Amino acid sequence: MAGYSIINHKGKDILYVDYTGMSKEEILKVMDDATDFALELNKPMLRLSNMTGVFAVKEVVDKAKESGKTTNHLTIKRAAVGITGAKKVLFNAFNRFSGNNTRAFDTVEDAKNWLVI
């Protein structure tokens, strides 16, 4: 299921945003929708993004920075999956530059387990 939803893992809610295989336009739309949803909920939350099969073009990176700043006050911890190879180098640079502190994991299950500890 691509899009966003609240999932429960070990009794804790996680905002799960699944960008798997999406085009740039789809990613930007879902990112806006998930940001609006987080702002409407207006409560601290855990966040998990699935970036499997996604390429971080400039517009996506810029939107991610904007979204991160907008919802930072509502975010307890952030995790991501699907960040491999050259994408991991860009991801780590993005984290240093943005101060976003998202941790990358190989699997959704590993990410969920880290988020709830």
N, C-alpha and C. Protein backbone atom coordinates (compact mmCIF):
# COMPACT_ATOMS: atom_id res chain seq x y z
N MET A 1 0.84 -1.18 0.00
CA MET A 1 0.00 0.00 0.00
C MET A 1 0.89 1.24 0.00
N ALA A 2 0.86 1.98 -1.06
CA ALA A 2 1.61 3.23 -1.11
C ALA A 2 0.71 4.35 -0.62
N GLY A 3 1.29 5.27 0.12
CA GLY A 3 0.55 6.37 0.71
C GLY A 3 0.94 6.50 2.17
N TYR A 4 0.04 6.96 3.00
CA TYR A 4 0.38 7.09 4.42
C TYR A 4 -0.75 6.53 5.28
N SER A 5 -0.35 6.09 6.47
CA SER A 5 -1.32 5.57 7.43
C SER A 5 -0.66 5.51 8.80
N ILE A 6 -1.49 5.35 9.81
CA ILE A 6 -0.99 5.11 11.15
C ILE A 6 -0.95 3.60 11.33
N ILE A 7 0.21 3.07 11.69
CA ILE A 7 0.33 1.65 12.00
C ILE A 7 0.68 1.54 13.47
N ASN A 8 0.31 0.43 14.08
CA ASN A 8 0.62 0.21 15.48
C ASN A 8 1.64 -0.90 15.57
N HIS A 9 2.70 -0.65 16.34
CA HIS A 9 3.75 -1.65 16.53
C HIS A 9 4.09 -1.69 18.02
N LYS A 10 3.87 -2.83 18.62
CA LYS A 10 4.15 -3.03 20.04
C LYS A 10 3.48 -1.96 20.90
N GLY A 11 2.24 -1.63 20.53
CA GLY A 11 1.45 -0.70 21.32
C GLY A 11 1.71 0.77 21.06
N LYS A 12 2.56 1.09 20.09
CA LYS A 12 2.86 2.49 19.78
C LYS A 12 2.47 2.80 18.34
N ASP A 13 1.90 3.98 18.14
CA ASP A 13 1.51 4.42 16.80
C ASP A 13 2.69 5.01 16.05
N ILE A 14 2.75 4.67 14.76
CA ILE A 14 3.79 5.17 13.86
C ILE A 14 3.11 5.71 12.62
N LEU A 15 3.50 6.91 12.21
CA LEU A 15 3.04 7.44 10.93
C LEU A 15 3.93 6.81 9.87
N TYR A 16 3.34 5.90 9.08
CA TYR A 16 4.06 5.17 8.04
C TYR A 16 3.74 5.79 6.69
N VAL A 17 4.79 6.28 6.02
CA VAL A 17 4.61 6.88 4.70
C VAL A 17 5.36 6.01 3.70
N ASP A 18 4.60 5.40 2.80
CA ASP A 18 5.14 4.43 1.84
C ASP A 18 5.20 5.05 0.45
N TYR A 19 6.43 5.36 0.02
CA TYR A 19 6.66 5.96 -1.30
C TYR A 19 7.11 4.91 -2.32
N THR A 20 7.04 3.65 -1.97
CA THR A 20 7.58 2.57 -2.80
C THR A 20 7.19 2.71 -4.27
N GLY A 21 8.21 2.83 -5.12
CA GLY A 21 8.02 2.84 -6.57
C GLY A 21 7.28 4.04 -7.13
N MET A 22 7.08 5.09 -6.35
CA MET A 22 6.32 6.25 -6.83
C MET A 22 7.13 7.14 -7.76
N SER A 23 6.42 7.84 -8.63
CA SER A 23 7.04 8.86 -9.47
C SER A 23 7.29 10.11 -8.62
N LYS A 24 8.05 11.04 -9.16
CA LYS A 24 8.33 12.29 -8.45
C LYS A 24 7.03 13.00 -8.08
N GLU A 25 6.11 13.09 -9.00
CA GLU A 25 4.84 13.79 -8.76
C GLU A 25 4.05 13.12 -7.65
N GLU A 26 4.02 11.79 -7.66
CA GLU A 26 3.30 11.05 -6.62
C GLU A 26 3.94 11.27 -5.25
N ILE A 27 5.27 11.23 -5.21
CA ILE A 27 5.99 11.44 -3.95
C ILE A 27 5.67 12.81 -3.38
N LEU A 28 5.74 13.84 -4.22
CA LEU A 28 5.48 15.20 -3.75
C LEU A 28 4.06 15.34 -3.20
N LYS A 29 3.10 14.71 -3.84
CA LYS A 29 1.70 14.76 -3.40
C LYS A 29 1.53 14.04 -2.06
N VAL A 30 2.07 12.85 -1.96
CA VAL A 30 1.94 12.08 -0.72
C VAL A 30 2.68 12.79 0.41
N MET A 31 3.84 13.38 0.12
CA MET A 31 4.58 14.11 1.14
C MET A 31 3.75 15.28 1.68
N ASP A 32 3.12 16.03 0.78
CA ASP A 32 2.24 17.13 1.21
C ASP A 32 1.08 16.60 2.04
N ASP A 33 0.44 15.53 1.57
CA ASP A 33 -0.71 14.97 2.28
C ASP A 33 -0.32 14.46 3.66
N ALA A 34 0.82 13.76 3.76
CA ALA A 34 1.28 13.22 5.05
C ALA A 34 1.66 14.35 6.00
N THR A 35 2.25 15.41 5.47
CA THR A 35 2.60 16.57 6.31
C THR A 35 1.33 17.22 6.85
N ASP A 36 0.34 17.42 5.98
CA ASP A 36 -0.94 17.99 6.42
C ASP A 36 -1.60 17.10 7.47
N PHE A 37 -1.56 15.80 7.26
CA PHE A 37 -2.14 14.85 8.20
C PHE A 37 -1.46 14.97 9.57
N ALA A 38 -0.12 15.01 9.59
CA ALA A 38 0.63 15.14 10.85
C ALA A 38 0.26 16.44 11.56
N LEU A 39 0.13 17.52 10.81
CA LEU A 39 -0.23 18.80 11.41
C LEU A 39 -1.65 18.78 11.96
N GLU A 40 -2.56 18.10 11.27
CA GLU A 40 -3.94 17.98 11.76
C GLU A 40 -3.99 17.15 13.05
N LEU A 41 -3.21 16.07 13.11
CA LEU A 41 -3.17 15.25 14.33
C LEU A 41 -2.61 16.07 15.49
N ASN A 42 -1.60 16.87 15.20
CA ASN A 42 -1.00 17.79 16.16
C ASN A 42 -0.61 17.11 17.47
N LYS A 43 0.10 15.97 17.34
CA LYS A 43 0.61 15.29 18.52
C LYS A 43 1.97 14.68 18.18
N PRO A 44 2.84 14.55 19.17
CA PRO A 44 4.15 13.94 18.91
C PRO A 44 3.98 12.53 18.36
N MET A 45 4.82 12.18 17.37
CA MET A 45 4.69 10.87 16.75
C MET A 45 6.02 10.32 16.27
N LEU A 46 6.00 9.02 16.06
CA LEU A 46 7.10 8.30 15.43
C LEU A 46 6.81 8.29 13.95
N ARG A 47 7.87 8.40 13.12
CA ARG A 47 7.65 8.44 11.66
C ARG A 47 8.54 7.44 10.96
N LEU A 48 7.97 6.75 9.98
CA LEU A 48 8.70 5.78 9.18
C LEU A 48 8.38 6.02 7.72
N SER A 49 9.44 6.23 6.92
CA SER A 49 9.28 6.43 5.48
C SER A 49 9.90 5.25 4.74
N ASN A 50 9.16 4.71 3.77
CA ASN A 50 9.67 3.62 2.93
C ASN A 50 9.99 4.22 1.57
N MET A 51 11.29 4.29 1.26
CA MET A 51 11.76 4.92 0.03
C MET A 51 12.25 3.89 -1.00
N THR A 52 11.78 2.66 -0.88
CA THR A 52 12.21 1.59 -1.78
C THR A 52 11.85 1.93 -3.23
N GLY A 53 12.85 1.86 -4.10
CA GLY A 53 12.63 2.10 -5.53
C GLY A 53 12.40 3.55 -5.89
N VAL A 54 12.81 4.47 -5.00
CA VAL A 54 12.59 5.90 -5.22
C VAL A 54 13.93 6.58 -5.45
N PHE A 55 13.96 7.55 -6.35
CA PHE A 55 15.17 8.32 -6.60
C PHE A 55 14.97 9.74 -6.07
N ALA A 56 15.94 10.21 -5.31
CA ALA A 56 15.84 11.51 -4.63
C ALA A 56 16.28 12.63 -5.57
N VAL A 57 15.36 13.07 -6.40
CA VAL A 57 15.64 14.22 -7.26
C VAL A 57 15.53 15.49 -6.43
N LYS A 58 16.04 16.58 -6.93
CA LYS A 58 16.10 17.83 -6.17
C LYS A 58 14.76 18.24 -5.59
N GLU A 59 13.69 18.15 -6.35
CA GLU A 59 12.38 18.57 -5.86
C GLU A 59 11.94 17.73 -4.65
N VAL A 60 12.25 16.44 -4.67
CA VAL A 60 11.89 15.56 -3.56
C VAL A 60 12.72 15.91 -2.32
N VAL A 61 14.01 16.14 -2.50
CA VAL A 61 14.88 16.50 -1.38
C VAL A 61 14.42 17.83 -0.78
N ASP A 62 14.13 18.81 -1.64
CA ASP A 62 13.67 20.11 -1.15
C ASP A 62 12.36 19.98 -0.37
N LYS A 63 11.43 19.18 -0.90
CA LYS A 63 10.14 18.98 -0.22
C LYS A 63 10.34 18.25 1.11
N ALA A 64 11.27 17.29 1.15
CA ALA A 64 11.55 16.57 2.39
C ALA A 64 12.11 17.52 3.45
N LYS A 65 12.98 18.43 3.05
CA LYS A 65 13.52 19.43 3.99
C LYS A 65 12.40 20.31 4.53
N GLU A 66 11.55 20.78 3.63
CA GLU A 66 10.42 21.64 4.02
C GLU A 66 9.48 20.91 4.98
N SER A 67 9.14 19.68 4.64
CA SER A 67 8.24 18.88 5.48
C SER A 67 8.87 18.63 6.84
N GLY A 68 10.15 18.30 6.85
CA GLY A 68 10.85 18.05 8.10
C GLY A 68 10.83 19.25 9.02
N LYS A 69 11.05 20.43 8.47
CA LYS A 69 11.03 21.65 9.28
C LYS A 69 9.62 21.92 9.80
N THR A 70 8.63 21.70 8.96
CA THR A 70 7.24 21.98 9.33
C THR A 70 6.74 21.06 10.44
N THR A 71 7.19 19.81 10.45
CA THR A 71 6.67 18.84 11.42
C THR A 71 7.69 18.46 12.49
N ASN A 72 8.84 19.08 12.50
CA ASN A 72 9.89 18.70 13.45
C ASN A 72 9.41 18.73 14.90
N HIS A 73 8.60 19.71 15.24
CA HIS A 73 8.10 19.83 16.62
C HIS A 73 7.15 18.70 17.00
N LEU A 74 6.68 17.94 16.01
CA LEU A 74 5.76 16.84 16.26
C LEU A 74 6.43 15.47 16.13
N THR A 75 7.72 15.46 15.82
CA THR A 75 8.40 14.21 15.52
C THR A 75 9.31 13.77 16.66
N ILE A 76 9.04 12.59 17.19
CA ILE A 76 9.86 12.02 18.27
C ILE A 76 11.10 11.37 17.67
N LYS A 77 10.91 10.48 16.71
CA LYS A 77 11.99 9.78 16.04
C LYS A 77 11.57 9.53 14.60
N ARG A 78 12.59 9.47 13.71
CA ARG A 78 12.34 9.19 12.29
C ARG A 78 13.21 8.02 11.84
N ALA A 79 12.61 7.17 11.04
CA ALA A 79 13.36 6.06 10.43
C ALA A 79 12.97 5.97 8.96
N ALA A 80 13.85 5.36 8.18
CA ALA A 80 13.59 5.17 6.75
C ALA A 80 14.14 3.82 6.31
N VAL A 81 13.49 3.25 5.31
CA VAL A 81 13.98 2.03 4.67
C VAL A 81 14.05 2.27 3.18
N GLY A 82 14.82 1.42 2.49
CA GLY A 82 14.96 1.55 1.05
C GLY A 82 16.08 2.49 0.64
N ILE A 83 16.94 2.83 1.59
CA ILE A 83 18.06 3.74 1.32
C ILE A 83 19.31 2.88 1.19
N THR A 84 19.75 2.62 -0.04
CA THR A 84 20.89 1.74 -0.25
C THR A 84 21.86 2.36 -1.25
N GLY A 85 23.06 1.82 -1.30
CA GLY A 85 24.06 2.23 -2.28
C GLY A 85 24.34 3.72 -2.27
N ALA A 86 24.35 4.31 -3.46
CA ALA A 86 24.64 5.75 -3.61
C ALA A 86 23.58 6.59 -2.90
N LYS A 87 22.35 6.09 -2.84
CA LYS A 87 21.28 6.83 -2.14
C LYS A 87 21.63 7.01 -0.67
N LYS A 88 22.34 6.04 -0.08
CA LYS A 88 22.71 6.13 1.33
C LYS A 88 23.70 7.27 1.56
N VAL A 89 24.63 7.48 0.63
CA VAL A 89 25.59 8.58 0.73
C VAL A 89 24.84 9.91 0.70
N LEU A 90 23.91 10.05 -0.25
CA LEU A 90 23.10 11.28 -0.34
C LEU A 90 22.23 11.46 0.90
N PHE A 91 21.67 10.37 1.38
CA PHE A 91 20.82 10.40 2.56
C PHE A 91 21.60 10.89 3.78
N ASN A 92 22.81 10.36 3.97
CA ASN A 92 23.64 10.78 5.10
C ASN A 92 24.02 12.25 4.99
N ALA A 93 24.30 12.71 3.79
CA ALA A 93 24.61 14.13 3.58
C ALA A 93 23.38 14.99 3.89
N PHE A 94 22.23 14.55 3.45
CA PHE A 94 20.97 15.26 3.73
C PHE A 94 20.75 15.37 5.23
N ASN A 95 20.97 14.28 5.96
CA ASN A 95 20.79 14.29 7.41
C ASN A 95 21.72 15.29 8.08
N ARG A 96 22.98 15.32 7.67
CA ARG A 96 23.94 16.26 8.25
C ARG A 96 23.51 17.69 7.97
N PHE A 97 23.09 17.94 6.74
CA PHE A 97 22.72 19.30 6.32
C PHE A 97 21.42 19.77 6.97
N SER A 98 20.46 18.87 7.05
CA SER A 98 19.12 19.27 7.53
C SER A 98 18.95 19.15 9.04
N GLY A 99 19.83 18.39 9.70
CA GLY A 99 19.67 18.16 11.12
C GLY A 99 18.49 17.25 11.44
N ASN A 100 18.02 16.52 10.45
CA ASN A 100 16.80 15.70 10.52
C ASN A 100 16.99 14.42 11.35
N ASN A 101 18.20 13.87 11.40
CA ASN A 101 18.54 12.71 12.23
C ASN A 101 17.68 11.48 11.99
N THR A 102 17.32 11.22 10.77
CA THR A 102 16.60 10.00 10.42
C THR A 102 17.59 8.85 10.35
N ARG A 103 17.23 7.70 10.92
CA ARG A 103 18.07 6.51 10.84
C ARG A 103 17.58 5.63 9.70
N ALA A 104 18.53 5.11 8.93
CA ALA A 104 18.21 4.21 7.82
C ALA A 104 18.32 2.75 8.27
N PHE A 105 17.37 1.95 7.81
CA PHE A 105 17.33 0.53 8.15
C PHE A 105 17.13 -0.30 6.88
N ASP A 106 17.51 -1.56 6.96
CA ASP A 106 17.36 -2.45 5.81
C ASP A 106 15.94 -2.98 5.66
N THR A 107 15.21 -3.09 6.77
CA THR A 107 13.85 -3.63 6.70
C THR A 107 12.88 -2.75 7.48
N VAL A 108 11.62 -2.83 7.10
CA VAL A 108 10.57 -2.11 7.81
C VAL A 108 10.48 -2.61 9.25
N GLU A 109 10.60 -3.91 9.45
CA GLU A 109 10.52 -4.48 10.79
C GLU A 109 11.62 -3.94 11.70
N ASP A 110 12.87 -3.88 11.19
CA ASP A 110 13.97 -3.32 11.98
C ASP A 110 13.71 -1.86 12.34
N ALA A 111 13.20 -1.11 11.38
CA ALA A 111 12.91 0.31 11.61
C ALA A 111 11.82 0.47 12.67
N LYS A 112 10.76 -0.31 12.56
CA LYS A 112 9.67 -0.24 13.55
C LYS A 112 10.18 -0.59 14.95
N ASN A 113 11.01 -1.63 15.04
CA ASN A 113 11.53 -2.04 16.34
C ASN A 113 12.38 -0.92 16.96
N TRP A 114 13.20 -0.25 16.17
CA TRP A 114 14.02 0.84 16.68
C TRP A 114 13.16 2.03 17.10
N LEU A 115 12.15 2.34 16.32
CA LEU A 115 11.30 3.47 16.64
C LEU A 115 10.61 3.33 18.01
N VAL A 116 10.22 2.13 18.36
CA VAL A 116 9.42 1.97 19.58
C VAL A 116 10.26 1.74 20.84
N ILE A 117 11.59 1.71 20.72
CA ILE A 117 12.41 1.57 21.95
C ILE A 117 12.72 2.91 22.56
